Amino acid sequence: MNPPAPFHGNGPSHWGALIVIFGAAALVIRQARRTPRGSTTLVYERLLAAVLLLFPFGKLGVQVITGAFDRQSALPLHYCDLAAMAGAAALLTRRQWLCEITYFFGLAGTLQALITPALREDLPDPRFFIFFGGHGAVVIAALYVVLGMRRAPLPGAVGRMMIATTLYSAIVGGLNVLLGTNYGFLAAKPPTASVMDHLGPWPWYLGSLWLLALLLYSALYLPFWVRRRREARATWD
């Protein structure tokens, strides 16, 4: 068997995957805004939820099929895995707190993974499809819960997300020590280029990541804060 072709960021396959992902996001959001809770919308939501669940739990199956077991990614413990599971639950239950996790984790973290993929295998390797299919589904869900389902984050969302991020880092960081793994890239930086390359050495870049998360969460919440301020002023005028 020939070795898989190496993946190159910003190459044709990378851009093609991004175009498909954001095209699909526009399609499902448009459908939801035209026919809220319609039969077609429900089908899209359930299909997207199924894809989201395949992402964190299907990686082990792909590794077995390809004969490339990797304990660094087999378990659903990466930041994007949490966003995927929250996204599936949000689509099925429409719970506000799940929608907030999906929105903030999906756009602050998983979108970054799509822009600078920690991926070595290009088309037609199955790992290419599982990476972009899974990460892309998370970003679609993150946009959908706010723009399609209209579940805007509520006041205090940034603080809640920082608590969730801190808990995730503490729990998964502890598991990394026990298992000798690097989930969440908390024990070492990704092998491919990423924003972490500019945040200092380990362990100092963990603090930089925490501050970056605060900045990104705040930026993602800003449009809703501005809208509420304007609505409040209009009420008092």
Protein backbone atom coordinates (compact mmCIF):
# COMPACT_ATOMS: atom_id res chain seq x y z
CA MET A 1 0.00 0.00 0.00
CA ASN A 2 1.29 3.43 -0.94
CA PRO A 3 1.80 5.86 1.96
CA PRO A 4 -0.85 8.61 2.27
CA ALA A 5 -0.19 11.85 0.44
CA PRO A 6 1.05 14.58 2.81
CA PHE A 7 -1.44 17.32 3.63
CA HIS A 8 -0.45 20.91 2.88
CA GLY A 9 -2.25 23.76 4.61
CA ASN A 10 -3.78 26.35 2.25
CA GLY A 11 -3.57 23.84 -0.58
CA PRO A 12 -6.46 22.96 -2.94
CA SER A 13 -7.87 20.23 -0.69
CA HIS A 14 -7.79 22.55 2.34
CA TRP A 15 -9.62 25.37 0.56
CA GLY A 16 -12.05 22.94 -1.02
CA ALA A 17 -12.96 21.54 2.37
CA LEU A 18 -13.52 25.03 3.81
CA ILE A 19 -15.77 26.00 0.89
CA VAL A 20 -17.89 22.88 1.38
CA ILE A 21 -18.15 23.46 5.15
CA PHE A 22 -19.26 27.09 4.98
CA GLY A 23 -21.54 26.37 2.03
CA ALA A 24 -23.27 23.68 4.07
CA ALA A 25 -23.53 26.07 7.03
CA ALA A 26 -25.25 28.68 4.87
CA LEU A 27 -27.66 26.05 3.53
CA VAL A 28 -28.84 24.72 6.88
CA ILE A 29 -29.06 28.18 8.46
CA ARG A 30 -31.12 29.48 5.54
CA GLN A 31 -33.46 26.48 5.79
CA ALA A 32 -33.93 26.98 9.53
CA ARG A 33 -34.68 30.67 9.20
CA ARG A 34 -37.20 30.06 6.42
CA THR A 35 -39.05 27.17 8.07
CA PRO A 36 -38.30 26.99 11.81
CA ARG A 37 -38.94 23.48 13.15
CA GLY A 38 -40.11 22.31 9.71
CA SER A 39 -39.67 18.69 8.69
CA THR A 40 -36.66 19.44 6.48
CA THR A 41 -35.05 21.48 9.23
CA LEU A 42 -35.48 18.62 11.69
CA VAL A 43 -33.85 16.21 9.25
CA TYR A 44 -30.86 18.54 8.86
CA GLU A 45 -30.53 18.91 12.62
CA ARG A 46 -30.61 15.17 13.26
CA LEU A 47 -28.17 14.41 10.46
CA LEU A 48 -25.81 17.06 11.79
CA ALA A 49 -26.15 15.66 15.31
CA ALA A 50 -25.28 12.18 14.00
CA VAL A 51 -22.17 13.49 12.25
CA LEU A 52 -21.14 15.32 15.40
CA LEU A 53 -21.35 12.12 17.44
CA LEU A 54 -19.38 10.19 14.84
CA PHE A 55 -16.54 12.70 15.13
CA PRO A 56 -15.43 12.03 18.72
CA PHE A 57 -16.41 8.35 18.77
CA GLY A 58 -15.59 7.32 15.19
CA LYS A 59 -11.88 8.10 15.28
CA LEU A 60 -11.01 4.83 16.97
CA GLY A 61 -12.83 2.86 14.25
CA VAL A 62 -10.96 4.71 11.50
CA GLN A 63 -7.67 4.04 13.23
CA VAL A 64 -8.43 0.32 13.45
CA ILE A 65 -9.43 0.18 9.76
CA THR A 66 -6.31 2.01 8.62
CA GLY A 67 -4.04 0.10 11.00
CA ALA A 68 -2.82 3.35 12.52
CA PHE A 69 -3.93 3.28 16.17
CA ASP A 70 -2.96 6.46 17.98
CA ARG A 71 -3.67 6.77 21.68
CA GLN A 72 -3.17 10.52 21.34
CA SER A 73 -6.48 10.88 19.49
CA ALA A 74 -8.45 7.65 20.03
CA LEU A 75 -10.33 8.91 23.11
CA PRO A 76 -12.91 11.76 22.85
CA LEU A 77 -10.91 14.10 25.08
CA HIS A 78 -9.84 16.91 22.77
CA TYR A 79 -11.37 20.37 23.11
CA CYS A 80 -13.11 19.88 19.74
CA ASP A 81 -14.53 16.53 20.91
CA LEU A 82 -16.26 18.31 23.79
CA ALA A 83 -17.64 20.90 21.36
CA ALA A 84 -18.92 18.10 19.10
CA MET A 85 -20.71 16.27 21.90
CA ALA A 86 -22.21 19.51 23.20
CA GLY A 87 -23.30 20.39 19.66
CA ALA A 88 -25.09 17.08 19.15
CA ALA A 89 -26.87 17.45 22.49
CA ALA A 90 -27.79 21.08 21.70
CA LEU A 91 -29.35 20.11 18.38
CA LEU A 92 -31.39 17.34 19.98
CA THR A 93 -32.48 19.16 23.14
CA ARG A 94 -32.15 22.90 22.32
CA ARG A 95 -30.85 23.53 25.84
CA GLN A 96 -29.43 27.04 26.22
CA TRP A 97 -26.25 26.07 28.09
CA LEU A 98 -25.40 23.42 25.49
CA CYS A 99 -25.91 25.96 22.72
CA GLU A 100 -23.52 28.34 24.47
CA ILE A 101 -20.80 25.70 24.81
CA THR A 102 -21.22 24.77 21.15
CA TYR A 103 -21.03 28.39 20.01
CA PHE A 104 -18.04 29.49 22.06
CA PHE A 105 -16.00 26.30 21.92
CA GLY A 106 -16.82 25.75 18.26
CA LEU A 107 -15.81 29.20 17.03
CA ALA A 108 -13.01 29.96 19.51
CA GLY A 109 -11.31 26.57 19.19
CA THR A 110 -12.55 24.32 16.40
CA LEU A 111 -12.56 27.09 13.79
CA GLN A 112 -8.89 27.65 14.58
CA ALA A 113 -8.30 23.93 14.00
CA LEU A 114 -9.85 24.26 10.54
CA ILE A 115 -7.67 27.25 9.68
CA THR A 116 -4.44 25.58 10.84
CA PRO A 117 -5.18 21.82 10.70
CA ALA A 118 -3.06 19.48 12.82
CA LEU A 119 -3.26 16.96 9.98
CA ARG A 120 -0.66 15.03 8.00
CA GLU A 121 -2.80 12.99 5.57
CA ASP A 122 -4.40 14.43 2.43
CA LEU A 123 -7.12 13.12 0.13
CA PRO A 124 -8.25 10.36 -0.22
CA ASP A 125 -7.05 9.15 3.19
CA PRO A 126 -9.98 8.49 5.59
CA ARG A 127 -8.30 10.63 8.24
CA PHE A 128 -8.71 13.66 5.99
CA PHE A 129 -12.47 13.11 5.84
CA ILE A 130 -12.83 12.42 9.56
CA PHE A 131 -10.84 15.56 10.39
CA PHE A 132 -12.65 18.01 8.13
CA GLY A 133 -16.02 16.27 8.45
CA GLY A 134 -15.88 16.32 12.23
CA HIS A 135 -14.36 19.76 12.73
CA GLY A 136 -16.53 21.20 9.98
CA ALA A 137 -19.69 19.81 11.59
CA VAL A 138 -18.74 21.50 14.88
CA VAL A 139 -18.32 24.90 13.19
CA ILE A 140 -21.59 24.45 11.29
CA ALA A 141 -23.36 23.62 14.57
CA ALA A 142 -21.75 26.60 16.33
CA LEU A 143 -23.10 28.97 13.70
CA TYR A 144 -26.43 27.16 13.46
CA VAL A 145 -27.41 27.26 17.13
CA VAL A 146 -27.11 31.07 17.11
CA LEU A 147 -28.19 32.00 13.57
CA GLY A 148 -30.55 29.13 12.79
CA MET A 149 -32.01 28.18 16.17
CA ARG A 150 -31.66 31.77 17.44
CA ARG A 151 -30.15 30.72 20.78
CA ALA A 152 -27.99 33.79 21.41
CA PRO A 153 -25.65 33.58 24.42
CA LEU A 154 -27.12 35.11 27.57
CA PRO A 155 -25.44 37.62 29.92
CA GLY A 156 -22.68 35.99 31.94
CA ALA A 157 -21.87 33.52 29.15
CA VAL A 158 -18.19 34.51 28.99
CA GLY A 159 -17.70 33.79 32.69
CA ARG A 160 -19.47 30.45 32.38
CA MET A 161 -17.29 29.48 29.42
CA MET A 162 -14.11 30.42 31.27
CA ILE A 163 -15.15 28.18 34.17
CA ALA A 164 -15.89 25.34 31.73
CA THR A 165 -12.54 25.88 29.98
CA THR A 166 -10.64 25.87 33.27
CA LEU A 167 -12.37 22.67 34.42
CA TYR A 168 -11.67 21.02 31.07
CA SER A 169 -7.98 21.95 31.26
CA ALA A 170 -7.62 20.67 34.83
CA ILE A 171 -9.40 17.34 34.20
CA VAL A 172 -7.85 16.56 30.82
CA GLY A 173 -4.45 17.80 31.94
CA GLY A 174 -4.59 15.33 34.83
CA LEU A 175 -5.59 12.51 32.48
CA ASN A 176 -2.67 13.39 30.20
CA VAL A 177 -0.29 12.88 33.11
CA LEU A 178 -1.85 9.50 33.94
CA LEU A 179 -2.07 8.24 30.34
CA GLY A 180 1.04 9.84 28.87
CA THR A 181 -1.07 11.60 26.24
CA ASN A 182 -1.45 15.13 24.90
CA TYR A 183 -5.18 15.72 24.65
CA GLY A 184 -6.10 19.36 24.20
CA PHE A 185 -2.41 19.95 23.41
CA LEU A 186 -2.01 20.68 27.10
CA ALA A 187 1.23 18.69 27.46
CA ALA A 188 2.94 19.87 24.25
CA LYS A 189 2.23 22.00 21.20
CA PRO A 190 0.78 20.45 18.02
CA PRO A 191 3.33 18.96 15.58
CA THR A 192 2.07 21.29 12.86
CA ALA A 193 2.03 25.10 12.76
CA SER A 194 -0.57 26.73 15.00
CA VAL A 195 -1.25 29.86 17.03
CA MET A 196 0.42 28.13 20.00
CA ASP A 197 3.79 28.64 18.31
CA HIS A 198 3.51 32.32 19.27
CA LEU A 199 2.44 31.84 22.89
CA GLY A 200 5.71 30.86 24.53
CA PRO A 201 7.15 27.53 25.74
CA TRP A 202 5.40 24.91 27.88
CA PRO A 203 3.98 25.37 30.47
CA TRP A 204 3.74 29.14 30.00
CA TYR A 205 1.71 28.88 26.82
CA LEU A 206 -1.11 27.33 28.88
CA GLY A 207 -1.60 30.64 30.66
CA SER A 208 -1.43 32.44 27.31
CA LEU A 209 -4.09 30.10 25.97
CA TRP A 210 -6.34 30.88 28.95
CA LEU A 211 -6.01 34.60 28.26
CA LEU A 212 -6.54 34.04 24.54
CA ALA A 213 -9.71 32.09 25.31
CA LEU A 214 -10.97 35.00 27.42
CA LEU A 215 -10.25 37.40 24.55
CA LEU A 216 -11.94 35.21 21.94
CA TYR A 217 -14.98 34.47 24.10
CA SER A 218 -15.37 38.19 24.78
CA ALA A 219 -15.14 39.00 21.07
CA LEU A 220 -17.73 36.34 20.25
CA TYR A 221 -20.08 37.72 22.88
CA LEU A 222 -19.56 41.38 21.91
CA PRO A 223 -22.18 41.53 19.09
CA PHE A 224 -24.89 40.29 21.46
CA TRP A 225 -23.83 42.70 24.21
CA VAL A 226 -23.97 45.61 21.76
CA ARG A 227 -27.40 44.56 20.52
CA ARG A 228 -28.79 44.31 24.04
CA ARG A 229 -27.37 47.73 24.92
CA ARG A 230 -29.08 49.23 21.88
CA GLU A 231 -32.36 47.51 22.71
CA ALA A 232 -32.18 48.77 26.29
CA ARG A 233 -31.56 52.35 25.12
CA ALA A 234 -34.44 52.12 22.66
CA THR A 235 -36.72 50.98 25.49
CA TRP A 236 -35.79 53.97 27.66
CA ASP A 237 -36.03 56.52 24.82
